[in-house]
Amino acid sequence: MATIQISQTTQKKLFEVASRLQLKIKKRVSFDEAIRHLLDQTKVEGKNKQRFASFYGCARGTVEEARKLLRELRAEGESRLEKLGT
């Protein structure tokens, strides 16, 4: 088993993570388990970002073209609302 040095602030935050994890799984957990949980969570979040990026990648054109289209659609919607209001 290795020893690592962490600040008191980090230790307090890690203790909070371990406490929440203990409440969730209803069993005592070590700092090692809390750290592994955080690492696993980071890994999952990274995969979610990759999945989201793949959906974003299906859009055609540049970001500026997308912004222009959104501005046009917003103006069109506002125009329709104004016509309904009068």
PDB file of N, CA and C in Angstrom:
ATOM      1  N   MET A   1       0.846  -1.164   0.000  1.00  0.00           N
ATOM      2  CA  MET A   1       0.000   0.000   0.000  1.00  0.00           C
ATOM      3  C   MET A   1       0.897   1.236   0.000  1.00  0.00           C
ATOM      4  N   ALA A   2       0.572   2.194  -0.844  1.00  0.00           N
ATOM      5  CA  ALA A   2       1.350   3.428  -0.968  1.00  0.00           C
ATOM      6  C   ALA A   2       0.767   4.516  -0.075  1.00  0.00           C
ATOM      7  N   THR A   3       1.596   5.474   0.242  1.00  0.00           N
ATOM      8  CA  THR A   3       1.160   6.628   1.030  1.00  0.00           C
ATOM      9  C   THR A   3       1.230   7.853   0.133  1.00  0.00           C
ATOM     10  N   ILE A   4       0.171   8.657   0.167  1.00  0.00           N
ATOM     11  CA  ILE A   4       0.171   9.896  -0.601  1.00  0.00           C
ATOM     12  C   ILE A   4      -0.071  11.057   0.347  1.00  0.00           C
ATOM     13  N   GLN A   5       0.437  12.213  -0.017  1.00  0.00           N
ATOM     14  CA  GLN A   5       0.228  13.405   0.793  1.00  0.00           C
ATOM     15  C   GLN A   5      -0.825  14.270   0.124  1.00  0.00           C
ATOM     16  N   ILE A   6      -1.809  14.680   0.907  1.00  0.00           N
ATOM     17  CA  ILE A   6      -2.857  15.571   0.407  1.00  0.00           C
ATOM     18  C   ILE A   6      -3.080  16.662   1.450  1.00  0.00           C
ATOM     19  N   SER A   7      -3.600  17.779   1.007  1.00  0.00           N
ATOM     20  CA  SER A   7      -3.870  18.880   1.926  1.00  0.00           C
ATOM     21  C   SER A   7      -5.068  18.532   2.806  1.00  0.00           C
ATOM     22  N   GLN A   8      -5.220  19.284   3.876  1.00  0.00           N
ATOM     23  CA  GLN A   8      -6.365  19.055   4.763  1.00  0.00           C
ATOM     24  C   GLN A   8      -7.676  19.340   4.044  1.00  0.00           C
ATOM     25  N   THR A   9      -7.664  20.318   3.152  1.00  0.00           N
ATOM     26  CA  THR A   9      -8.865  20.645   2.374  1.00  0.00           C
ATOM     27  C   THR A   9      -9.265  19.473   1.486  1.00  0.00           C
ATOM     28  N   THR A  10      -8.279  18.901   0.804  1.00  0.00           N
ATOM     29  CA  THR A  10      -8.547  17.749  -0.058  1.00  0.00           C
ATOM     30  C   THR A  10      -9.018  16.556   0.775  1.00  0.00           C
ATOM     31  N   GLN A  11      -8.401  16.369   1.922  1.00  0.00           N
ATOM     32  CA  GLN A  11      -8.791  15.268   2.804  1.00  0.00           C
ATOM     33  C   GLN A  11     -10.244  15.437   3.249  1.00  0.00           C
ATOM     34  N   LYS A  12     -10.631  16.657   3.577  1.00  0.00           N
ATOM     35  CA  LYS A  12     -12.012  16.922   4.000  1.00  0.00           C
ATOM     36  C   LYS A  12     -12.992  16.621   2.860  1.00  0.00           C
ATOM     37  N   LYS A  13     -12.627  17.070   1.647  1.00  0.00           N
ATOM     38  CA  LYS A  13     -13.498  16.817   0.488  1.00  0.00           C
ATOM     39  C   LYS A  13     -13.585  15.326   0.181  1.00  0.00           C
ATOM     40  N   LEU A  14     -12.477  14.633   0.298  1.00  0.00           N
ATOM     41  CA  LEU A  14     -12.472  13.193   0.063  1.00  0.00           C
ATOM     42  C   LEU A  14     -13.324  12.479   1.109  1.00  0.00           C
ATOM     43  N   PHE A  15     -13.254  12.955   2.337  1.00  0.00           N
ATOM     44  CA  PHE A  15     -14.083  12.388   3.401  1.00  0.00           C
ATOM     45  C   PHE A  15     -15.566  12.586   3.075  1.00  0.00           C
ATOM     46  N   GLU A  16     -15.918  13.759   2.537  1.00  0.00           N
ATOM     47  CA  GLU A  16     -17.309  14.016   2.151  1.00  0.00           C
ATOM     48  C   GLU A  16     -17.750  13.072   1.033  1.00  0.00           C
ATOM     49  N   VAL A  17     -16.875  12.848   0.070  1.00  0.00           N
ATOM     50  CA  VAL A  17     -17.188  11.915  -1.019  1.00  0.00           C
ATOM     51  C   VAL A  17     -17.390  10.513  -0.455  1.00  0.00           C
ATOM     52  N   ALA A  18     -16.487  10.103   0.435  1.00  0.00           N
ATOM     53  CA  ALA A  18     -16.595   8.772   1.046  1.00  0.00           C
ATOM     54  C   ALA A  18     -17.886   8.660   1.849  1.00  0.00           C
ATOM     55  N   SER A  19     -18.264   9.720   2.550  1.00  0.00           N
ATOM     56  CA  SER A  19     -19.497   9.704   3.340  1.00  0.00           C
ATOM     57  C   SER A  19     -20.725   9.543   2.454  1.00  0.00           C
ATOM     58  N   ARG A  20     -20.764  10.307   1.355  1.00  0.00           N
ATOM     59  CA  ARG A  20     -21.906  10.183   0.426  1.00  0.00           C
ATOM     60  C   ARG A  20     -21.961   8.790  -0.190  1.00  0.00           C
ATOM     61  N   LEU A  21     -20.786   8.256  -0.527  1.00  0.00           N
ATOM     62  CA  LEU A  21     -20.732   6.918  -1.099  1.00  0.00           C
ATOM     63  C   LEU A  21     -21.219   5.881  -0.088  1.00  0.00           C
ATOM     64  N   GLN A  22     -20.828   6.040   1.175  1.00  0.00           N
ATOM     65  CA  GLN A  22     -21.278   5.124   2.225  1.00  0.00           C
ATOM     66  C   GLN A  22     -22.800   5.152   2.352  1.00  0.00           C
ATOM     67  N   LEU A  23     -23.389   6.355   2.301  1.00  0.00           N
ATOM     68  CA  LEU A  23     -24.846   6.469   2.383  1.00  0.00           C
ATOM     69  C   LEU A  23     -25.511   5.802   1.179  1.00  0.00           C
ATOM     70  N   LYS A  24     -24.889   5.956   0.033  1.00  0.00           N
ATOM     71  CA  LYS A  24     -25.464   5.400  -1.198  1.00  0.00           C
ATOM     72  C   LYS A  24     -25.441   3.873  -1.199  1.00  0.00           C
ATOM     73  N   ILE A  25     -24.302   3.283  -0.849  1.00  0.00           N
ATOM     74  CA  ILE A  25     -24.191   1.819  -0.937  1.00  0.00           C
ATOM     75  C   ILE A  25     -24.430   1.118   0.397  1.00  0.00           C
ATOM     76  N   LYS A  26     -24.654   1.942   1.435  1.00  0.00           N
ATOM     77  CA  LYS A  26     -24.986   1.416   2.762  1.00  0.00           C
ATOM     78  C   LYS A  26     -23.940   0.447   3.310  1.00  0.00           C
ATOM     79  N   LYS A  27     -22.690   0.794   3.132  1.00  0.00           N
ATOM     80  CA  LYS A  27     -21.586   0.052   3.741  1.00  0.00           C
ATOM     81  C   LYS A  27     -20.398   0.976   3.894  1.00  0.00           C
ATOM     82  N   ARG A  28     -19.530   0.634   4.813  1.00  0.00           N
ATOM     83  CA  ARG A  28     -18.354   1.445   5.089  1.00  0.00           C
ATOM     84  C   ARG A  28     -17.395   1.402   3.895  1.00  0.00           C
ATOM     85  N   VAL A  29     -16.835   2.558   3.521  1.00  0.00           N
ATOM     86  CA  VAL A  29     -15.884   2.610   2.409  1.00  0.00           C
ATOM     87  C   VAL A  29     -14.592   3.283   2.861  1.00  0.00           C
ATOM     88  N   SER A  30     -13.515   2.897   2.242  1.00  0.00           N
ATOM     89  CA  SER A  30     -12.207   3.472   2.539  1.00  0.00           C
ATOM     90  C   SER A  30     -11.948   4.658   1.615  1.00  0.00           C
ATOM     91  N   PHE A  31     -10.896   5.408   1.919  1.00  0.00           N
ATOM     92  CA  PHE A  31     -10.495   6.484   1.018  1.00  0.00           C
ATOM     93  C   PHE A  31     -10.127   5.910  -0.349  1.00  0.00           C
ATOM     94  N   ASP A  32      -9.522   4.737  -0.360  1.00  0.00           N
ATOM     95  CA  ASP A  32      -9.156   4.090  -1.623  1.00  0.00           C
ATOM     96  C   ASP A  32     -10.399   3.853  -2.481  1.00  0.00           C
ATOM     97  N   GLU A  33     -11.454   3.348  -1.869  1.00  0.00           N
ATOM     98  CA  GLU A  33     -12.699   3.111  -2.607  1.00  0.00           C
ATOM     99  C   GLU A  33     -13.314   4.433  -3.082  1.00  0.00           C
ATOM    100  N   ALA A  34     -13.222   5.461  -2.257  1.00  0.00           N
ATOM    101  CA  ALA A  34     -13.751   6.768  -2.651  1.00  0.00           C
ATOM    102  C   ALA A  34     -12.980   7.322  -3.849  1.00  0.00           C
ATOM    103  N   ILE A  35     -11.667   7.174  -3.815  1.00  0.00           N
ATOM    104  CA  ILE A  35     -10.847   7.645  -4.941  1.00  0.00           C
ATOM    105  C   ILE A  35     -11.175   6.852  -6.201  1.00  0.00           C
ATOM    106  N   ARG A  36     -11.296   5.526  -6.080  1.00  0.00           N
ATOM    107  CA  ARG A  36     -11.651   4.705  -7.249  1.00  0.00           C
ATOM    108  C   ARG A  36     -13.014   5.119  -7.795  1.00  0.00           C
ATOM    109  N   HIS A  37     -13.955   5.408  -6.900  1.00  0.00           N
ATOM    110  CA  HIS A  37     -15.286   5.868  -7.316  1.00  0.00           C
ATOM    111  C   HIS A  37     -15.170   7.161  -8.128  1.00  0.00           C
ATOM    112  N   LEU A  38     -14.365   8.111  -7.634  1.00  0.00           N
ATOM    113  CA  LEU A  38     -14.162   9.367  -8.363  1.00  0.00           C
ATOM    114  C   LEU A  38     -13.522   9.139  -9.720  1.00  0.00           C
ATOM    115  N   LEU A  39     -12.549   8.244  -9.777  1.00  0.00           N
ATOM    116  CA  LEU A  39     -11.886   7.937 -11.049  1.00  0.00           C
ATOM    117  C   LEU A  39     -12.863   7.289 -12.029  1.00  0.00           C
ATOM    118  N   ASP A  40     -13.679   6.367 -11.541  1.00  0.00           N
ATOM    119  CA  ASP A  40     -14.684   5.726 -12.392  1.00  0.00           C
ATOM    120  C   ASP A  40     -15.694   6.744 -12.903  1.00  0.00           C
ATOM    121  N   GLN A  41     -16.084   7.660 -12.024  1.00  0.00           N
ATOM    122  CA  GLN A  41     -17.039   8.696 -12.395  1.00  0.00           C
ATOM    123  C   GLN A  41     -16.458   9.584 -13.494  1.00  0.00           C
ATOM    124  N   THR A  42     -15.201   9.937 -13.372  1.00  0.00           N
ATOM    125  CA  THR A  42     -14.524  10.750 -14.379  1.00  0.00           C
ATOM    126  C   THR A  42     -14.478  10.023 -15.712  1.00  0.00           C
ATOM    127  N   LYS A  43     -14.227   8.735 -15.660  1.00  0.00           N
ATOM    128  CA  LYS A  43     -14.169   7.911 -16.875  1.00  0.00           C
ATOM    129  C   LYS A  43     -15.533   7.907 -17.568  1.00  0.00           C
ATOM    130  N   VAL A  44     -16.603   7.744 -16.801  1.00  0.00           N
ATOM    131  CA  VAL A  44     -17.959   7.731 -17.356  1.00  0.00           C
ATOM    132  C   VAL A  44     -18.302   9.086 -17.955  1.00  0.00           C
ATOM    133  N   GLU A  45     -17.950  10.169 -17.238  1.00  0.00           N
ATOM    134  CA  GLU A  45     -18.224  11.503 -17.757  1.00  0.00           C
ATOM    135  C   GLU A  45     -17.489  11.740 -19.067  1.00  0.00           C
ATOM    136  N   GLY A  46     -16.264  11.233 -19.180  1.00  0.00           N
ATOM    137  CA  GLY A  46     -15.509  11.361 -20.418  1.00  0.00           C
ATOM    138  C   GLY A  46     -16.202  10.648 -21.565  1.00  0.00           C
ATOM    139  N   LYS A  47     -16.735   9.463 -21.289  1.00  0.00           N
ATOM    140  CA  LYS A  47     -17.466   8.715 -22.320  1.00  0.00           C
ATOM    141  C   LYS A  47     -18.733   9.467 -22.719  1.00  0.00           C
ATOM    142  N   ASN A  48     -19.424  10.075 -21.728  1.00  0.00           N
ATOM    143  CA  ASN A  48     -20.629  10.835 -22.036  1.00  0.00           C
ATOM    144  C   ASN A  48     -20.301  12.028 -22.922  1.00  0.00           C
ATOM    145  N   LYS A  49     -19.163  12.683 -22.659  1.00  0.00           N
ATOM    146  CA  LYS A  49     -18.753  13.809 -23.494  1.00  0.00           C
ATOM    147  C   LYS A  49     -18.478  13.341 -24.919  1.00  0.00           C
ATOM    148  N   GLN A  50     -17.863  12.167 -25.058  1.00  0.00           N
ATOM    149  CA  GLN A  50     -17.593  11.638 -26.391  1.00  0.00           C
ATOM    150  C   GLN A  50     -18.897  11.331 -27.114  1.00  0.00           C
ATOM    151  N   ARG A  51     -19.868  10.759 -26.402  1.00  0.00           N
ATOM    152  CA  ARG A  51     -21.166  10.466 -27.026  1.00  0.00           C
ATOM    153  C   ARG A  51     -21.853  11.754 -27.461  1.00  0.00           C
ATOM    154  N   PHE A  52     -21.820  12.780 -26.591  1.00  0.00           N
ATOM    155  CA  PHE A  52     -22.426  14.053 -26.931  1.00  0.00           C
ATOM    156  C   PHE A  52     -21.737  14.664 -28.149  1.00  0.00           C
ATOM    157  N   ALA A  53     -20.427  14.583 -28.180  1.00  0.00           N
ATOM    158  CA  ALA A  53     -19.669  15.135 -29.309  1.00  0.00           C
ATOM    159  C   ALA A  53     -20.048  14.436 -30.605  1.00  0.00           C
ATOM    160  N   SER A  54     -20.334  13.150 -30.543  1.00  0.00           N
ATOM    161  CA  SER A  54     -20.715  12.446 -31.770  1.00  0.00           C
ATOM    162  C   SER A  54     -22.063  12.945 -32.287  1.00  0.00           C
ATOM    163  N   PHE A  55     -22.971  13.317 -31.374  1.00  0.00           N
ATOM    164  CA  PHE A  55     -24.248  13.890 -31.813  1.00  0.00           C
ATOM    165  C   PHE A  55     -24.027  15.276 -32.405  1.00  0.00           C
ATOM    166  N   TYR A  56     -23.166  16.056 -31.771  1.00  0.00           N
ATOM    167  CA  TYR A  56     -22.876  17.391 -32.257  1.00  0.00           C
ATOM    168  C   TYR A  56     -22.220  17.317 -33.628  1.00  0.00           C
ATOM    169  N   GLY A  57     -21.424  16.308 -33.836  1.00  0.00           N
ATOM    170  CA  GLY A  57     -20.725  16.152 -35.097  1.00  0.00           C
ATOM    171  C   GLY A  57     -21.640  15.880 -36.272  1.00  0.00           C
ATOM    172  N   CYS A  58     -22.888  15.498 -36.012  1.00  0.00           N
ATOM    173  CA  CYS A  58     -23.794  15.203 -37.123  1.00  0.00           C
ATOM    174  C   CYS A  58     -24.324  16.482 -37.769  1.00  0.00           C
ATOM    175  N   ALA A  59     -24.137  17.640 -37.115  1.00  0.00           N
ATOM    176  CA  ALA A  59     -24.575  18.904 -37.695  1.00  0.00           C
ATOM    177  C   ALA A  59     -23.657  19.265 -38.865  1.00  0.00           C
ATOM    178  N   ARG A  60     -24.231  19.824 -39.874  1.00  0.00           N
ATOM    179  CA  ARG A  60     -23.457  20.214 -41.053  1.00  0.00           C
ATOM    180  C   ARG A  60     -23.051  21.676 -40.936  1.00  0.00           C
ATOM    181  N   GLY A  61     -21.940  22.036 -41.502  1.00  0.00           N
ATOM    182  CA  GLY A  61     -21.511  23.425 -41.557  1.00  0.00           C
ATOM    183  C   GLY A  61     -20.667  23.823 -40.369  1.00  0.00           C
ATOM    184  N   THR A  62     -20.313  25.107 -40.359  1.00  0.00           N
ATOM    185  CA  THR A  62     -19.461  25.637 -39.311  1.00  0.00           C
ATOM    186  C   THR A  62     -20.307  26.157 -38.155  1.00  0.00           C
ATOM    187  N   VAL A  63     -19.641  26.476 -37.073  1.00  0.00           N
ATOM    188  CA  VAL A  63     -20.327  27.038 -35.912  1.00  0.00           C
ATOM    189  C   VAL A  63     -20.969  28.363 -36.282  1.00  0.00           C
ATOM    190  N   GLU A  64     -20.265  29.164 -37.060  1.00  0.00           N
ATOM    191  CA  GLU A  64     -20.815  30.468 -37.461  1.00  0.00           C
ATOM    192  C   GLU A  64     -22.072  30.289 -38.312  1.00  0.00           C
ATOM    193  N   GLU A  65     -22.087  29.294 -39.189  1.00  0.00           N
ATOM    194  CA  GLU A  65     -23.284  29.030 -39.996  1.00  0.00           C
ATOM    195  C   GLU A  65     -24.442  28.611 -39.098  1.00  0.00           C
ATOM    196  N   ALA A  66     -24.152  27.806 -38.087  1.00  0.00           N
ATOM    197  CA  ALA A  66     -25.182  27.372 -37.156  1.00  0.00           C
ATOM    198  C   ALA A  66     -25.734  28.554 -36.374  1.00  0.00           C
ATOM    199  N   ARG A  67     -24.855  29.456 -35.939  1.00  0.00           N
ATOM    200  CA  ARG A  67     -25.308  30.653 -35.218  1.00  0.00           C
ATOM    201  C   ARG A  67     -26.178  31.533 -36.111  1.00  0.00           C
ATOM    202  N   LYS A  68     -25.765  31.683 -37.365  1.00  0.00           N
ATOM    203  CA  LYS A  68     -26.543  32.488 -38.312  1.00  0.00           C
ATOM    204  C   LYS A  68     -27.938  31.889 -38.490  1.00  0.00           C
ATOM    205  N   LEU A  69     -27.996  30.586 -38.646  1.00  0.00           N
ATOM    206  CA  LEU A  69     -29.286  29.916 -38.804  1.00  0.00           C
ATOM    207  C   LEU A  69     -30.148  30.105 -37.566  1.00  0.00           C
ATOM    208  N   LEU A  70     -29.563  29.988 -36.394  1.00  0.00           N
ATOM    209  CA  LEU A  70     -30.318  30.189 -35.154  1.00  0.00           C
ATOM    210  C   LEU A  70     -30.842  31.620 -35.044  1.00  0.00           C
ATOM    211  N   ARG A  71     -30.017  32.595 -35.432  1.00  0.00           N
ATOM    212  CA  ARG A  71     -30.477  33.993 -35.413  1.00  0.00           C
ATOM    213  C   ARG A  71     -31.656  34.187 -36.364  1.00  0.00           C
ATOM    214  N   GLU A  72     -31.571  33.589 -37.550  1.00  0.00           N
ATOM    215  CA  GLU A  72     -32.655  33.706 -38.524  1.00  0.00           C
ATOM    216  C   GLU A  72     -33.933  33.063 -37.994  1.00  0.00           C
ATOM    217  N   LEU A  73     -33.793  31.895 -37.408  1.00  0.00           N
ATOM    218  CA  LEU A  73     -34.970  31.209 -36.862  1.00  0.00           C
ATOM    219  C   LEU A  73     -35.581  31.988 -35.700  1.00  0.00           C
ATOM    220  N   ARG A  74     -34.736  32.579 -34.866  1.00  0.00           N
ATOM    221  CA  ARG A  74     -35.224  33.372 -33.743  1.00  0.00           C
ATOM    222  C   ARG A  74     -35.970  34.606 -34.252  1.00  0.00           C
ATOM    223  N   ALA A  75     -35.417  35.278 -35.256  1.00  0.00           N
ATOM    224  CA  ALA A  75     -36.070  36.455 -35.826  1.00  0.00           C
ATOM    225  C   ALA A  75     -37.412  36.079 -36.436  1.00  0.00           C
ATOM    226  N   GLU A  76     -37.441  34.958 -37.113  1.00  0.00           N
ATOM    227  CA  GLU A  76     -38.685  34.474 -37.722  1.00  0.00           C
ATOM    228  C   GLU A  76     -39.739  34.198 -36.644  1.00  0.00           C
ATOM    229  N   GLY A  77     -39.314  33.576 -35.554  1.00  0.00           N
ATOM    230  CA  GLY A  77     -40.237  33.284 -34.450  1.00  0.00           C
ATOM    231  C   GLY A  77     -40.753  34.553 -33.802  1.00  0.00           C
ATOM    232  N   GLU A  78     -39.874  35.531 -33.603  1.00  0.00           N
ATOM    233  CA  GLU A  78     -40.293  36.807 -33.015  1.00  0.00           C
ATOM    234  C   GLU A  78     -41.269  37.529 -33.935  1.00  0.00           C
ATOM    235  N   SER A  79     -41.023  37.447 -35.226  1.00  0.00           N
ATOM    236  CA  SER A  79     -41.920  38.066 -36.199  1.00  0.00           C
ATOM    237  C   SER A  79     -43.319  37.444 -36.117  1.00  0.00           C
ATOM    238  N   ARG A  80     -43.369  36.148 -36.003  1.00  0.00           N
ATOM    239  CA  ARG A  80     -44.660  35.455 -35.880  1.00  0.00           C
ATOM    240  C   ARG A  80     -45.380  35.863 -34.599  1.00  0.00           C
ATOM    241  N   LEU A  81     -44.638  35.995 -33.510  1.00  0.00           N
ATOM    242  CA  LEU A  81     -45.232  36.406 -32.242  1.00  0.00           C
ATOM    243  C   LEU A  81     -45.798  37.821 -32.321  1.00  0.00           C
ATOM    244  N   GLU A  82     -45.070  38.723 -33.011  1.00  0.00           N
ATOM    245  CA  GLU A  82     -45.548  40.086 -33.170  1.00  0.00           C
ATOM    246  C   GLU A  82     -46.844  40.109 -33.960  1.00  0.00           C
ATOM    247  N   LYS A  83     -46.947  39.278 -34.999  1.00  0.00           N
ATOM    248  CA  LYS A  83     -48.168  39.226 -35.805  1.00  0.00           C
ATOM    249  C   LYS A  83     -49.342  38.714 -34.977  1.00  0.00           C
ATOM    250  N   LEU A  84     -49.081  37.773 -34.098  1.00  0.00           N
ATOM    251  CA  LEU A  84     -50.138  37.247 -33.230  1.00  0.00           C
ATOM    252  C   LEU A  84     -50.591  38.289 -32.213  1.00  0.00           C
ATOM    253  N   GLY A  85     -49.683  39.147 -31.784  1.00  0.00           N
ATOM    254  CA  GLY A  85     -49.971  40.153 -30.773  1.00  0.00           C
ATOM    255  C   GLY A  85     -50.781  41.323 -31.310  1.00  0.00           C
ATOM    256  N   THR A  86     -50.781  41.537 -32.613  1.00  0.00           N
ATOM    257  CA  THR A  86     -51.502  42.704 -33.173  1.00  0.00           C
ATOM    258  C   THR A  86     -52.823  42.342 -33.739  1.00  0.00           C
TER     259      THR A  86
END
